[in-house]
Amino acid sequence: MSQSNAFHEAAMPLFAEMDEVVPVAGPSGKLPSYIADHRKRLRARFMEGGAAAMPDYELLELVLFRAIPRQDVKPLARRLLDTFGDFNRVVTAPPARLVSVQGVGDAVVQELKIVEASAQRMMRARVMNRAVLSSWDALLDYCHTAMAHGETEQFRILFLDRKNVLIADEQQARGTVDHVPVYPREVVKRALELNASALILVHNHPSGDPTPSEADITMTGQIQDAAQVLGITLHDHLIIGKERELSFRAEGYL
């Protein structure tokens, strides 16, 4: 079987039994030795040296092992990286785009989304219920993990108490590739419901460039005005790009 057609969908039972491809095990039911040995070596190297010692395609192979237990996954790992660019972009790619890659089905999508959700939850745990202004780097790391690779704009609000402790992190809206609808009245209403004393606005620019648009600046001013009337402080508005972020406070927009 050639590499170009080595992967195709098969009937998939639930969870542990899901498989993306037709098994290639021999009559004994065992993996061919070259596949079994490769997986064993890769797992051992990961346990000994950790992820830092592995290139993206090998780390991706480790993830794919669970979704495709009886097939050489290296060609699929390469195909995913060729399509999306790097490990982060593969893991955060929308399911609809993932399944457009030959060899990807529900099991692969599920494993990748589990990795994405795990990463976001761990980063979120570093900032929730903590004083945000004294853990700013951790907050930026979380925002990049959650939003930097999104293909559409999303807008989230971080709600802080009187001690600037993060008490809630909520996504308010999703939009298109260059616009997300935000309603200042709804933002302030939610802050009152949570008894929040301060806000940090965060949204991403799928283009990768975090430079604010005129609409971004206008919307931020409207939210700041509405919040001030009720004694709520707008600490910052962060725009998350692919490689860097922009702070309205640091750039003088607030």
C-alpha atoms as a PDB file:
ATOM      1  CA  MET A   1       0.000   0.000   0.000  1.00  0.00           C
ATOM      2  CA  SER A   2       1.523   3.357  -1.041  1.00  0.00           C
ATOM      3  CA  GLN A   3       1.999   6.223   1.388  1.00  0.00           C
ATOM      4  CA  SER A   4      -0.546   8.342  -0.464  1.00  0.00           C
ATOM      5  CA  ASN A   5      -3.391   5.961   0.298  1.00  0.00           C
ATOM      6  CA  ALA A   6      -2.129   4.400   3.505  1.00  0.00           C
ATOM      7  CA  PHE A   7      -4.762   6.167   5.597  1.00  0.00           C
ATOM      8  CA  HIS A   8      -8.494   6.028   5.169  1.00  0.00           C
ATOM      9  CA  GLU A   9     -11.541   5.932   7.384  1.00  0.00           C
ATOM     10  CA  ALA A  10     -12.908   2.747   8.894  1.00  0.00           C
ATOM     11  CA  ALA A  11     -16.020   2.130  10.982  1.00  0.00           C
ATOM     12  CA  MET A  12     -15.394   3.560  14.446  1.00  0.00           C
ATOM     13  CA  PRO A  13     -16.778   2.210  17.709  1.00  0.00           C
ATOM     14  CA  LEU A  14     -16.644   4.473  20.738  1.00  0.00           C
ATOM     15  CA  PHE A  15     -13.638   5.746  22.696  1.00  0.00           C
ATOM     16  CA  ALA A  16     -10.897   3.149  23.330  1.00  0.00           C
ATOM     17  CA  GLU A  17     -11.791   1.106  20.292  1.00  0.00           C
ATOM     18  CA  MET A  18     -11.796   4.010  17.855  1.00  0.00           C
ATOM     19  CA  ASP A  19      -9.303   3.753  15.030  1.00  0.00           C
ATOM     20  CA  GLU A  20      -8.759   6.009  12.055  1.00  0.00           C
ATOM     21  CA  VAL A  21      -7.372   3.424   9.685  1.00  0.00           C
ATOM     22  CA  VAL A  22      -7.604  -0.181   8.684  1.00  0.00           C
ATOM     23  CA  PRO A  23      -5.248  -2.193  10.939  1.00  0.00           C
ATOM     24  CA  VAL A  24      -2.118  -3.581   9.336  1.00  0.00           C
ATOM     25  CA  ALA A  25      -1.323  -6.170  12.005  1.00  0.00           C
ATOM     26  CA  GLY A  26      -0.281  -9.564  10.759  1.00  0.00           C
ATOM     27  CA  PRO A  27      -2.071 -12.897  11.257  1.00  0.00           C
ATOM     28  CA  SER A  28      -0.894 -13.001  14.876  1.00  0.00           C
ATOM     29  CA  GLY A  29      -2.662  -9.706  15.593  1.00  0.00           C
ATOM     30  CA  LYS A  30       0.621  -8.056  16.555  1.00  0.00           C
ATOM     31  CA  LEU A  31       2.095  -4.886  15.142  1.00  0.00           C
ATOM     32  CA  PRO A  32       4.868  -5.316  12.585  1.00  0.00           C
ATOM     33  CA  SER A  33       8.147  -5.144  14.492  1.00  0.00           C
ATOM     34  CA  TYR A  34       9.360  -1.960  12.816  1.00  0.00           C
ATOM     35  CA  ILE A  35       6.236  -0.115  14.053  1.00  0.00           C
ATOM     36  CA  ALA A  36       6.222  -1.662  17.512  1.00  0.00           C
ATOM     37  CA  ASP A  37       9.947  -0.995  17.997  1.00  0.00           C
ATOM     38  CA  HIS A  38       9.617   2.588  16.769  1.00  0.00           C
ATOM     39  CA  ARG A  39       6.796   3.292  19.220  1.00  0.00           C
ATOM     40  CA  LYS A  40       8.719   1.715  22.064  1.00  0.00           C
ATOM     41  CA  ARG A  41      11.842   3.769  21.311  1.00  0.00           C
ATOM     42  CA  LEU A  42       9.879   6.992  20.961  1.00  0.00           C
ATOM     43  CA  ARG A  43       8.046   6.492  24.239  1.00  0.00           C
ATOM     44  CA  ALA A  44      11.292   5.630  26.040  1.00  0.00           C
ATOM     45  CA  ARG A  45      13.000   8.748  24.666  1.00  0.00           C
ATOM     46  CA  PHE A  46      10.106  10.879  25.806  1.00  0.00           C
ATOM     47  CA  MET A  47      10.220   9.440  29.326  1.00  0.00           C
ATOM     48  CA  GLU A  48      13.984   9.900  29.535  1.00  0.00           C
ATOM     49  CA  GLY A  49      14.374  13.332  27.980  1.00  0.00           C
ATOM     50  CA  GLY A  50      10.919  14.885  27.969  1.00  0.00           C
ATOM     51  CA  ALA A  51       9.204  16.832  25.210  1.00  0.00           C
ATOM     52  CA  ALA A  52      11.997  19.408  24.915  1.00  0.00           C
ATOM     53  CA  ALA A  53      14.255  16.800  23.301  1.00  0.00           C
ATOM     54  CA  MET A  54      11.701  15.882  20.634  1.00  0.00           C
ATOM     55  CA  PRO A  55      10.845  17.660  17.383  1.00  0.00           C
ATOM     56  CA  ASP A  56       7.208  18.550  16.719  1.00  0.00           C
ATOM     57  CA  TYR A  57       6.554  15.580  14.439  1.00  0.00           C
ATOM     58  CA  GLU A  58       7.667  13.059  17.073  1.00  0.00           C
ATOM     59  CA  LEU A  59       5.608  14.673  19.823  1.00  0.00           C
ATOM     60  CA  LEU A  60       2.652  14.608  17.458  1.00  0.00           C
ATOM     61  CA  GLU A  61       3.305  10.935  16.758  1.00  0.00           C
ATOM     62  CA  LEU A  62       3.018  10.205  20.487  1.00  0.00           C
ATOM     63  CA  VAL A  63      -0.410  11.822  20.507  1.00  0.00           C
ATOM     64  CA  LEU A  64      -1.490   9.963  17.381  1.00  0.00           C
ATOM     65  CA  PHE A  65      -0.435   6.584  18.821  1.00  0.00           C
ATOM     66  CA  ARG A  66      -3.566   6.580  20.988  1.00  0.00           C
ATOM     67  CA  ALA A  67      -5.916   7.427  18.143  1.00  0.00           C
ATOM     68  CA  ILE A  68      -4.293   5.057  15.642  1.00  0.00           C
ATOM     69  CA  PRO A  69      -3.018   2.054  17.611  1.00  0.00           C
ATOM     70  CA  ARG A  70      -2.146  -0.254  14.708  1.00  0.00           C
ATOM     71  CA  GLN A  71      -0.570   1.858  11.992  1.00  0.00           C
ATOM     72  CA  ASP A  72       2.553   3.875  11.191  1.00  0.00           C
ATOM     73  CA  VAL A  73       1.492   7.430  12.067  1.00  0.00           C
ATOM     74  CA  LYS A  74       4.623   9.275  10.954  1.00  0.00           C
ATOM     75  CA  PRO A  75       3.227  10.133   7.476  1.00  0.00           C
ATOM     76  CA  LEU A  76       0.074  11.555   9.058  1.00  0.00           C
ATOM     77  CA  ALA A  77       2.097  13.573  11.582  1.00  0.00           C
ATOM     78  CA  ARG A  78       4.139  15.044   8.728  1.00  0.00           C
ATOM     79  CA  ARG A  79       0.980  15.756   6.731  1.00  0.00           C
ATOM     80  CA  LEU A  80      -0.605  17.617   9.656  1.00  0.00           C
ATOM     81  CA  LEU A  81       2.520  19.707  10.221  1.00  0.00           C
ATOM     82  CA  ASP A  82       2.804  20.489   6.511  1.00  0.00           C
ATOM     83  CA  THR A  83      -0.817  21.674   6.582  1.00  0.00           C
ATOM     84  CA  PHE A  84      -0.827  23.732   9.783  1.00  0.00           C
ATOM     85  CA  GLY A  85       2.817  24.643  10.398  1.00  0.00           C
ATOM     86  CA  ASP A  86       3.700  23.518  13.917  1.00  0.00           C
ATOM     87  CA  PHE A  87       2.495  21.430  16.863  1.00  0.00           C
ATOM     88  CA  ASN A  88       0.530  24.287  18.452  1.00  0.00           C
ATOM     89  CA  ARG A  89      -1.354  25.047  15.262  1.00  0.00           C
ATOM     90  CA  VAL A  90      -2.175  21.369  14.715  1.00  0.00           C
ATOM     91  CA  VAL A  91      -3.588  20.972  18.223  1.00  0.00           C
ATOM     92  CA  THR A  92      -5.612  24.190  18.065  1.00  0.00           C
ATOM     93  CA  ALA A  93      -6.876  23.791  14.493  1.00  0.00           C
ATOM     94  CA  PRO A  94     -10.679  23.692  14.124  1.00  0.00           C
ATOM     95  CA  PRO A  95     -12.105  20.161  13.771  1.00  0.00           C
ATOM     96  CA  ALA A  96     -13.537  20.992  10.348  1.00  0.00           C
ATOM     97  CA  ARG A  97     -10.048  21.807   9.049  1.00  0.00           C
ATOM     98  CA  LEU A  98      -8.447  18.822  10.746  1.00  0.00           C
ATOM     99  CA  VAL A  99     -10.778  16.313   9.100  1.00  0.00           C
ATOM    100  CA  SER A 100      -9.942  17.791   5.707  1.00  0.00           C
ATOM    101  CA  VAL A 101      -6.465  16.261   6.078  1.00  0.00           C
ATOM    102  CA  GLN A 102      -6.222  12.758   4.632  1.00  0.00           C
ATOM    103  CA  GLY A 103      -6.205  10.166   7.416  1.00  0.00           C
ATOM    104  CA  VAL A 104      -7.856  12.309  10.100  1.00  0.00           C
ATOM    105  CA  GLY A 105     -11.154  11.193  11.562  1.00  0.00           C
ATOM    106  CA  ASP A 106     -13.027  11.511  14.819  1.00  0.00           C
ATOM    107  CA  ALA A 107     -10.470   9.655  16.944  1.00  0.00           C
ATOM    108  CA  VAL A 108      -7.560  11.869  15.880  1.00  0.00           C
ATOM    109  CA  VAL A 109      -9.633  15.028  16.361  1.00  0.00           C
ATOM    110  CA  GLN A 110     -10.642  13.835  19.823  1.00  0.00           C
ATOM    111  CA  GLU A 111      -7.051  13.204  20.927  1.00  0.00           C
ATOM    112  CA  LEU A 112      -5.862  16.573  19.630  1.00  0.00           C
ATOM    113  CA  LYS A 113      -8.708  18.418  21.324  1.00  0.00           C
ATOM    114  CA  ILE A 114      -7.978  16.612  24.611  1.00  0.00           C
ATOM    115  CA  VAL A 115      -4.389  17.887  24.411  1.00  0.00           C
ATOM    116  CA  GLU A 116      -5.620  21.410  23.662  1.00  0.00           C
ATOM    117  CA  ALA A 117      -8.142  21.392  26.516  1.00  0.00           C
ATOM    118  CA  SER A 118      -5.551  20.015  28.943  1.00  0.00           C
ATOM    119  CA  ALA A 119      -3.045  22.731  28.062  1.00  0.00           C
ATOM    120  CA  GLN A 120      -5.637  25.474  28.458  1.00  0.00           C
ATOM    121  CA  ARG A 121      -6.867  24.115  31.779  1.00  0.00           C
ATOM    122  CA  MET A 122      -3.362  23.911  33.224  1.00  0.00           C
ATOM    123  CA  MET A 123      -2.520  27.456  32.139  1.00  0.00           C
ATOM    124  CA  ARG A 124      -5.862  28.725  33.458  1.00  0.00           C
ATOM    125  CA  ALA A 125      -5.182  27.138  36.851  1.00  0.00           C
ATOM    126  CA  ARG A 126      -2.079  29.327  37.171  1.00  0.00           C
ATOM    127  CA  VAL A 127      -4.136  32.523  37.097  1.00  0.00           C
ATOM    128  CA  MET A 128      -7.606  31.743  38.470  1.00  0.00           C
ATOM    129  CA  ASN A 129      -8.215  32.982  42.024  1.00  0.00           C
ATOM    130  CA  ARG A 130      -4.855  34.739  42.046  1.00  0.00           C
ATOM    131  CA  ALA A 131      -3.851  38.375  42.005  1.00  0.00           C
ATOM    132  CA  VAL A 132      -3.577  39.035  38.293  1.00  0.00           C
ATOM    133  CA  LEU A 133      -1.382  42.109  38.381  1.00  0.00           C
ATOM    134  CA  SER A 134       1.339  40.227  40.280  1.00  0.00           C
ATOM    135  CA  SER A 135       1.195  37.216  37.940  1.00  0.00           C
ATOM    136  CA  TRP A 136       1.016  39.099  34.647  1.00  0.00           C
ATOM    137  CA  ASP A 137       3.348  36.793  32.718  1.00  0.00           C
ATOM    138  CA  ALA A 138       1.233  33.760  33.656  1.00  0.00           C
ATOM    139  CA  LEU A 139      -1.858  35.620  32.462  1.00  0.00           C
ATOM    140  CA  LEU A 140      -0.252  36.409  29.109  1.00  0.00           C
ATOM    141  CA  ASP A 141       0.811  32.764  28.736  1.00  0.00           C
ATOM    142  CA  TYR A 142      -2.756  31.645  29.378  1.00  0.00           C
ATOM    143  CA  CYS A 143      -4.211  34.116  26.881  1.00  0.00           C
ATOM    144  CA  HIS A 144      -1.757  33.011  24.193  1.00  0.00           C
ATOM    145  CA  THR A 145      -2.486  29.334  24.863  1.00  0.00           C
ATOM    146  CA  ALA A 146      -6.234  29.880  24.701  1.00  0.00           C
ATOM    147  CA  MET A 147      -6.474  32.363  21.847  1.00  0.00           C
ATOM    148  CA  ALA A 148      -3.350  32.943  19.763  1.00  0.00           C
ATOM    149  CA  HIS A 149      -4.102  30.327  17.107  1.00  0.00           C
ATOM    150  CA  GLY A 150      -7.827  30.867  16.710  1.00  0.00           C
ATOM    151  CA  GLU A 151      -9.001  31.328  13.138  1.00  0.00           C
ATOM    152  CA  THR A 152     -11.896  33.604  14.114  1.00  0.00           C
ATOM    153  CA  GLU A 153     -11.980  36.478  16.578  1.00  0.00           C
ATOM    154  CA  GLN A 154     -13.108  35.718  20.100  1.00  0.00           C
ATOM    155  CA  PHE A 155     -13.665  38.179  22.913  1.00  0.00           C
ATOM    156  CA  ARG A 156     -13.267  37.265  26.558  1.00  0.00           C
ATOM    157  CA  ILE A 157     -13.443  39.204  29.793  1.00  0.00           C
ATOM    158  CA  LEU A 158     -11.425  38.654  32.944  1.00  0.00           C
ATOM    159  CA  PHE A 159     -13.353  39.785  36.024  1.00  0.00           C
ATOM    160  CA  LEU A 160     -11.391  40.873  39.117  1.00  0.00           C
ATOM    161  CA  ASP A 161     -12.403  41.566  42.699  1.00  0.00           C
ATOM    162  CA  ARG A 162     -11.292  44.485  44.887  1.00  0.00           C
ATOM    163  CA  LYS A 163      -7.902  42.843  45.465  1.00  0.00           C
ATOM    164  CA  ASN A 164      -7.437  42.287  41.711  1.00  0.00           C
ATOM    165  CA  VAL A 165      -7.893  38.543  42.148  1.00  0.00           C
ATOM    166  CA  LEU A 166      -9.266  36.849  39.028  1.00  0.00           C
ATOM    167  CA  ILE A 167     -12.726  35.584  39.966  1.00  0.00           C
ATOM    168  CA  ALA A 168     -14.095  34.735  36.519  1.00  0.00           C
ATOM    169  CA  ASP A 169     -12.874  34.246  32.959  1.00  0.00           C
ATOM    170  CA  GLU A 170     -15.654  34.191  30.407  1.00  0.00           C
ATOM    171  CA  GLN A 171     -15.825  34.149  26.638  1.00  0.00           C
ATOM    172  CA  GLN A 172     -18.452  36.675  25.645  1.00  0.00           C
ATOM    173  CA  ALA A 173     -18.581  36.320  21.876  1.00  0.00           C
ATOM    174  CA  ARG A 174     -17.129  34.760  18.750  1.00  0.00           C
ATOM    175  CA  GLY A 175     -17.008  36.509  15.424  1.00  0.00           C
ATOM    176  CA  THR A 176     -15.484  36.294  11.974  1.00  0.00           C
ATOM    177  CA  VAL A 177     -11.856  36.459  10.876  1.00  0.00           C
ATOM    178  CA  ASP A 178     -11.755  40.228  11.476  1.00  0.00           C
ATOM    179  CA  HIS A 179     -14.718  41.193  13.651  1.00  0.00           C
ATOM    180  CA  VAL A 180     -16.424  40.168  16.865  1.00  0.00           C
ATOM    181  CA  PRO A 181     -19.593  41.838  18.176  1.00  0.00           C
ATOM    182  CA  VAL A 182     -19.208  43.313  21.677  1.00  0.00           C
ATOM    183  CA  TYR A 183     -21.926  45.176  23.602  1.00  0.00           C
ATOM    184  CA  PRO A 184     -20.660  47.450  26.411  1.00  0.00           C
ATOM    185  CA  ARG A 185     -23.970  47.225  28.278  1.00  0.00           C
ATOM    186  CA  GLU A 186     -23.713  43.424  28.454  1.00  0.00           C
ATOM    187  CA  VAL A 187     -20.101  43.600  29.635  1.00  0.00           C
ATOM    188  CA  VAL A 188     -20.948  45.936  32.511  1.00  0.00           C
ATOM    189  CA  LYS A 189     -24.117  44.005  33.364  1.00  0.00           C
ATOM    190  CA  ARG A 190     -22.114  40.806  33.751  1.00  0.00           C
ATOM    191  CA  ALA A 191     -19.525  42.574  35.912  1.00  0.00           C
ATOM    192  CA  LEU A 192     -22.292  43.679  38.273  1.00  0.00           C
ATOM    193  CA  GLU A 193     -23.717  40.154  38.410  1.00  0.00           C
ATOM    194  CA  LEU A 194     -20.306  38.840  39.487  1.00  0.00           C
ATOM    195  CA  ASN A 195     -19.706  41.730  41.896  1.00  0.00           C
ATOM    196  CA  ALA A 196     -16.494  42.467  40.012  1.00  0.00           C
ATOM    197  CA  SER A 197     -14.532  45.636  40.736  1.00  0.00           C
ATOM    198  CA  ALA A 198     -12.265  45.589  37.673  1.00  0.00           C
ATOM    199  CA  LEU A 199     -12.026  44.163  34.172  1.00  0.00           C
ATOM    200  CA  ILE A 200      -9.410  43.091  31.670  1.00  0.00           C
ATOM    201  CA  LEU A 201     -10.630  42.723  28.083  1.00  0.00           C
ATOM    202  CA  VAL A 202      -8.929  40.196  25.812  1.00  0.00           C
ATOM    203  CA  HIS A 203      -9.445  39.355  22.178  1.00  0.00           C
ATOM    204  CA  ASN A 204      -7.378  37.819  19.414  1.00  0.00           C
ATOM    205  CA  HIS A 205      -6.474  38.893  15.898  1.00  0.00           C
ATOM    206  CA  PRO A 206      -6.404  35.815  13.629  1.00  0.00           C
ATOM    207  CA  SER A 207      -4.264  37.777  11.158  1.00  0.00           C
ATOM    208  CA  GLY A 208      -1.456  37.570  13.710  1.00  0.00           C
ATOM    209  CA  ASP A 209      -0.985  41.344  13.921  1.00  0.00           C
ATOM    210  CA  PRO A 210      -2.208  42.693  17.287  1.00  0.00           C
ATOM    211  CA  THR A 211      -2.386  46.312  16.135  1.00  0.00           C
ATOM    212  CA  PRO A 212      -5.803  47.661  17.245  1.00  0.00           C
ATOM    213  CA  SER A 213      -8.347  48.736  14.684  1.00  0.00           C
ATOM    214  CA  GLU A 214     -10.403  51.900  15.014  1.00  0.00           C
ATOM    215  CA  ALA A 215     -13.336  49.696  16.007  1.00  0.00           C
ATOM    216  CA  ASP A 216     -11.222  48.105  18.767  1.00  0.00           C
ATOM    217  CA  ILE A 217     -10.286  51.529  20.135  1.00  0.00           C
ATOM    218  CA  THR A 218     -13.861  52.850  19.970  1.00  0.00           C
ATOM    219  CA  MET A 219     -15.337  49.770  21.631  1.00  0.00           C
ATOM    220  CA  THR A 220     -12.742  49.895  24.424  1.00  0.00           C
ATOM    221  CA  GLY A 221     -13.561  53.540  25.128  1.00  0.00           C
ATOM    222  CA  GLN A 222     -17.272  52.754  25.279  1.00  0.00           C
ATOM    223  CA  ILE A 223     -16.732  49.942  27.774  1.00  0.00           C
ATOM    224  CA  GLN A 224     -14.417  52.108  29.878  1.00  0.00           C
ATOM    225  CA  ASP A 225     -17.001  54.914  29.994  1.00  0.00           C
ATOM    226  CA  ALA A 226     -19.825  52.540  30.933  1.00  0.00           C
ATOM    227  CA  ALA A 227     -17.711  50.859  33.615  1.00  0.00           C
ATOM    228  CA  GLN A 228     -16.532  54.130  35.178  1.00  0.00           C
ATOM    229  CA  VAL A 229     -20.112  55.267  35.760  1.00  0.00           C
ATOM    230  CA  LEU A 230     -20.590  52.226  38.016  1.00  0.00           C
ATOM    231  CA  GLY A 231     -17.220  52.430  39.720  1.00  0.00           C
ATOM    232  CA  ILE A 232     -15.675  49.539  37.795  1.00  0.00           C
ATOM    233  CA  THR A 233     -12.052  49.874  36.638  1.00  0.00           C
ATOM    234  CA  LEU A 234     -10.889  48.793  33.199  1.00  0.00           C
ATOM    235  CA  HIS A 235      -7.284  47.749  33.815  1.00  0.00           C
ATOM    236  CA  ASP A 236      -6.366  46.835  30.255  1.00  0.00           C
ATOM    237  CA  HIS A 237      -7.403  45.511  26.894  1.00  0.00           C
ATOM    238  CA  LEU A 238      -5.080  42.866  25.474  1.00  0.00           C
ATOM    239  CA  ILE A 239      -5.010  41.966  21.797  1.00  0.00           C
ATOM    240  CA  ILE A 240      -3.423  38.569  21.242  1.00  0.00           C
ATOM    241  CA  GLY A 241      -1.542  37.985  17.995  1.00  0.00           C
ATOM    242  CA  LYS A 242       0.274  34.894  16.768  1.00  0.00           C
ATOM    243  CA  GLU A 243       3.661  35.808  18.239  1.00  0.00           C
ATOM    244  CA  ARG A 244       3.032  38.768  20.528  1.00  0.00           C
ATOM    245  CA  GLU A 245       0.337  40.696  22.310  1.00  0.00           C
ATOM    246  CA  LEU A 246      -0.536  44.388  22.538  1.00  0.00           C
ATOM    247  CA  SER A 247      -1.560  46.109  25.776  1.00  0.00           C
ATOM    248  CA  PHE A 248      -3.808  49.159  25.474  1.00  0.00           C
ATOM    249  CA  ARG A 249      -2.466  50.386  28.813  1.00  0.00           C
ATOM    250  CA  ALA A 250       1.186  50.037  27.786  1.00  0.00           C
ATOM    251  CA  GLU A 251       0.568  51.642  24.381  1.00  0.00           C
ATOM    252  CA  GLY A 252      -1.270  54.637  25.844  1.00  0.00           C
ATOM    253  CA  TYR A 253      -4.759  53.828  24.569  1.00  0.00           C
ATOM    254  CA  LEU A 254      -6.062  53.734  28.168  1.00  0.00           C
END
